C-alpha cells in the first residue's frame, strides 16, 4: 500500500470521528432523529467531498 494513501486514510478516519463526536455532543438534548439526520448529512458531505477530490486529482 502506498504510504500517502495510508496517511490520507488515517486523516479521513480520525477527521470523521471528530465530526461525528461533535454532532453527537451538539445534539445530545435533541431527539435521536435529529442526531441521525445530522450524521447522515455530514456523511453525505464527506462522500461528495472525497469523490470531488479524487476525481479532480485524477483529472476527470
N, C-alpha and C. Protein backbone atom coordinates (compact mmCIF):
# COMPACT_ATOMS: atom_id res chain seq x y z
N UNK A 1 0.85 -1.18 0.00
CA UNK A 1 0.00 0.00 0.00
C UNK A 1 0.90 1.23 0.00
N UNK A 2 0.48 2.20 -0.77
CA UNK A 2 1.20 3.46 -0.84
C UNK A 2 1.12 4.19 0.49
N UNK A 3 2.24 4.74 0.91
CA UNK A 3 2.29 5.43 2.20
C UNK A 3 1.35 6.64 2.23
N UNK A 4 1.30 7.36 1.12
CA UNK A 4 0.43 8.54 1.03
C UNK A 4 -1.04 8.15 1.19
N UNK A 5 -1.43 7.04 0.56
CA UNK A 5 -2.80 6.56 0.68
C UNK A 5 -3.12 6.18 2.12
N UNK A 6 -2.20 5.53 2.78
CA UNK A 6 -2.40 5.14 4.17
C UNK A 6 -2.57 6.37 5.07
N UNK A 7 -1.74 7.36 4.88
CA UNK A 7 -1.83 8.56 5.69
C UNK A 7 -3.14 9.30 5.46
N UNK A 8 -3.59 9.41 4.21
CA UNK A 8 -4.86 10.06 3.94
C UNK A 8 -6.03 9.27 4.52
N UNK A 9 -5.93 7.95 4.50
CA UNK A 9 -6.97 7.12 5.11
C UNK A 9 -7.08 7.40 6.60
N UNK A 10 -5.96 7.52 7.27
CA UNK A 10 -5.96 7.82 8.70
C UNK A 10 -6.52 9.22 8.97
N UNK A 11 -6.16 10.18 8.16
CA UNK A 11 -6.66 11.55 8.32
C UNK A 11 -8.18 11.58 8.17
N UNK A 12 -8.69 10.93 7.15
CA UNK A 12 -10.14 10.92 6.92
C UNK A 12 -10.85 10.19 8.06
N UNK A 13 -10.30 9.06 8.51
CA UNK A 13 -10.92 8.29 9.58
C UNK A 13 -11.01 9.11 10.87
N UNK A 14 -9.91 9.69 11.29
CA UNK A 14 -9.92 10.46 12.54
C UNK A 14 -10.70 11.76 12.40
N UNK A 15 -10.65 12.37 11.23
CA UNK A 15 -11.45 13.56 10.99
C UNK A 15 -12.94 13.27 11.08
N UNK A 16 -13.36 12.16 10.49
CA UNK A 16 -14.77 11.76 10.56
C UNK A 16 -15.16 11.44 12.00
N UNK A 17 -14.28 10.82 12.74
CA UNK A 17 -14.57 10.53 14.15
C UNK A 17 -14.82 11.81 14.93
N UNK A 18 -14.01 12.82 14.68
CA UNK A 18 -14.18 14.10 15.37
C UNK A 18 -15.50 14.76 14.96
N UNK A 19 -15.83 14.71 13.68
CA UNK A 19 -17.07 15.32 13.20
C UNK A 19 -18.29 14.63 13.82
N UNK A 20 -18.29 13.30 13.83
CA UNK A 20 -19.45 12.59 14.36
C UNK A 20 -19.56 12.76 15.88
N UNK A 21 -18.44 12.86 16.56
CA UNK A 21 -18.48 13.12 18.01
C UNK A 21 -19.04 14.51 18.28
N UNK A 22 -18.64 15.48 17.46
CA UNK A 22 -19.16 16.85 17.63
C UNK A 22 -20.67 16.89 17.36
N UNK A 23 -21.12 16.15 16.38
CA UNK A 23 -22.57 16.09 16.11
C UNK A 23 -23.29 15.47 17.30
N UNK A 24 -22.75 14.38 17.83
CA UNK A 24 -23.39 13.72 18.97
C UNK A 24 -23.47 14.66 20.17
N UNK A 25 -22.38 15.36 20.45
CA UNK A 25 -22.39 16.30 21.58
C UNK A 25 -23.31 17.48 21.33
N UNK A 26 -23.34 17.96 20.11
CA UNK A 26 -24.16 19.12 19.79
C UNK A 26 -25.65 18.84 19.77
N UNK A 27 -26.01 17.56 19.62
CA UNK A 27 -27.43 17.20 19.55
C UNK A 27 -27.85 16.29 20.69
N UNK A 28 -27.10 16.28 21.79
CA UNK A 28 -27.41 15.35 22.87
C UNK A 28 -28.75 15.62 23.56
N UNK A 29 -29.25 16.84 23.51
CA UNK A 29 -30.55 17.12 24.13
C UNK A 29 -31.68 17.12 23.10
N UNK A 30 -31.39 16.67 21.90
CA UNK A 30 -32.38 16.60 20.82
C UNK A 30 -32.87 15.16 20.66
N UNK A 31 -33.99 14.97 19.96
CA UNK A 31 -34.44 13.60 19.67
C UNK A 31 -33.43 12.87 18.79
N UNK A 32 -33.48 11.54 18.83
CA UNK A 32 -32.50 10.73 18.10
C UNK A 32 -32.56 10.97 16.60
N UNK A 33 -33.74 11.29 16.08
CA UNK A 33 -33.84 11.50 14.63
C UNK A 33 -33.07 12.74 14.19
N UNK A 34 -32.93 13.72 15.05
CA UNK A 34 -32.15 14.92 14.71
C UNK A 34 -30.68 14.56 14.61
N UNK A 35 -30.21 13.75 15.56
CA UNK A 35 -28.82 13.30 15.53
C UNK A 35 -28.54 12.46 14.28
N UNK A 36 -29.44 11.54 13.98
CA UNK A 36 -29.26 10.70 12.80
C UNK A 36 -29.30 11.52 11.51
N UNK A 37 -30.19 12.47 11.44
CA UNK A 37 -30.27 13.33 10.25
C UNK A 37 -29.00 14.15 10.07
N UNK A 38 -28.49 14.70 11.16
CA UNK A 38 -27.25 15.48 11.09
C UNK A 38 -26.07 14.60 10.71
N UNK A 39 -26.02 13.38 11.25
CA UNK A 39 -24.93 12.47 10.91
C UNK A 39 -25.00 12.04 9.45
N UNK A 40 -26.20 11.76 8.95
CA UNK A 40 -26.35 11.40 7.54
C UNK A 40 -25.98 12.56 6.62
N UNK A 41 -26.34 13.76 7.01
CA UNK A 41 -25.97 14.93 6.21
C UNK A 41 -24.45 15.10 6.18
N UNK A 42 -23.81 14.93 7.33
CA UNK A 42 -22.34 15.03 7.38
C UNK A 42 -21.69 13.94 6.54
N UNK A 43 -22.22 12.74 6.61
CA UNK A 43 -21.69 11.63 5.81
C UNK A 43 -21.84 11.93 4.33
N UNK A 44 -22.98 12.47 3.94
CA UNK A 44 -23.18 12.84 2.54
C UNK A 44 -22.19 13.88 2.06
N UNK A 45 -21.95 14.88 2.90
CA UNK A 45 -20.98 15.93 2.55
C UNK A 45 -19.58 15.33 2.41
N UNK A 46 -19.23 14.41 3.32
CA UNK A 46 -17.91 13.78 3.25
C UNK A 46 -17.75 12.95 1.98
N UNK A 47 -18.76 12.18 1.62
CA UNK A 47 -18.69 11.35 0.41
C UNK A 47 -18.55 12.23 -0.83
N UNK A 48 -19.34 13.29 -0.90
CA UNK A 48 -19.26 14.20 -2.05
C UNK A 48 -17.88 14.87 -2.11
N UNK A 49 -17.36 15.31 -0.97
CA UNK A 49 -16.05 15.97 -0.94
C UNK A 49 -14.93 15.02 -1.36
N UNK A 50 -14.97 13.79 -0.86
CA UNK A 50 -13.93 12.82 -1.22
C UNK A 50 -14.03 12.48 -2.70
N UNK A 51 -15.24 12.28 -3.20
CA UNK A 51 -15.42 11.98 -4.63
C UNK A 51 -14.91 13.13 -5.49
N UNK A 52 -15.25 14.35 -5.12
CA UNK A 52 -14.78 15.52 -5.87
C UNK A 52 -13.25 15.60 -5.86
N UNK A 53 -12.66 15.39 -4.69
CA UNK A 53 -11.21 15.48 -4.57
C UNK A 53 -10.51 14.42 -5.41
N UNK A 54 -10.99 13.18 -5.36
CA UNK A 54 -10.36 12.09 -6.11
C UNK A 54 -10.50 12.30 -7.61
N UNK A 55 -11.68 12.72 -8.05
CA UNK A 55 -11.87 12.97 -9.49
C UNK A 55 -11.02 14.12 -9.97
N UNK A 56 -10.90 15.14 -9.15
CA UNK A 56 -10.09 16.29 -9.54
C UNK A 56 -8.62 15.92 -9.61
N UNK A 57 -8.18 15.11 -8.65
CA UNK A 57 -6.78 14.68 -8.62
C UNK A 57 -6.45 13.78 -9.82
N UNK A 58 -7.41 12.92 -10.22
CA UNK A 58 -7.19 12.00 -11.33
C UNK A 58 -7.38 12.67 -12.68
N UNK A 59 -7.87 13.91 -12.68
CA UNK A 59 -8.04 14.65 -13.93
C UNK A 59 -9.30 14.33 -14.69
N UNK A 60 -10.32 13.83 -14.02
CA UNK A 60 -11.59 13.52 -14.70
C UNK A 60 -12.50 14.70 -14.72
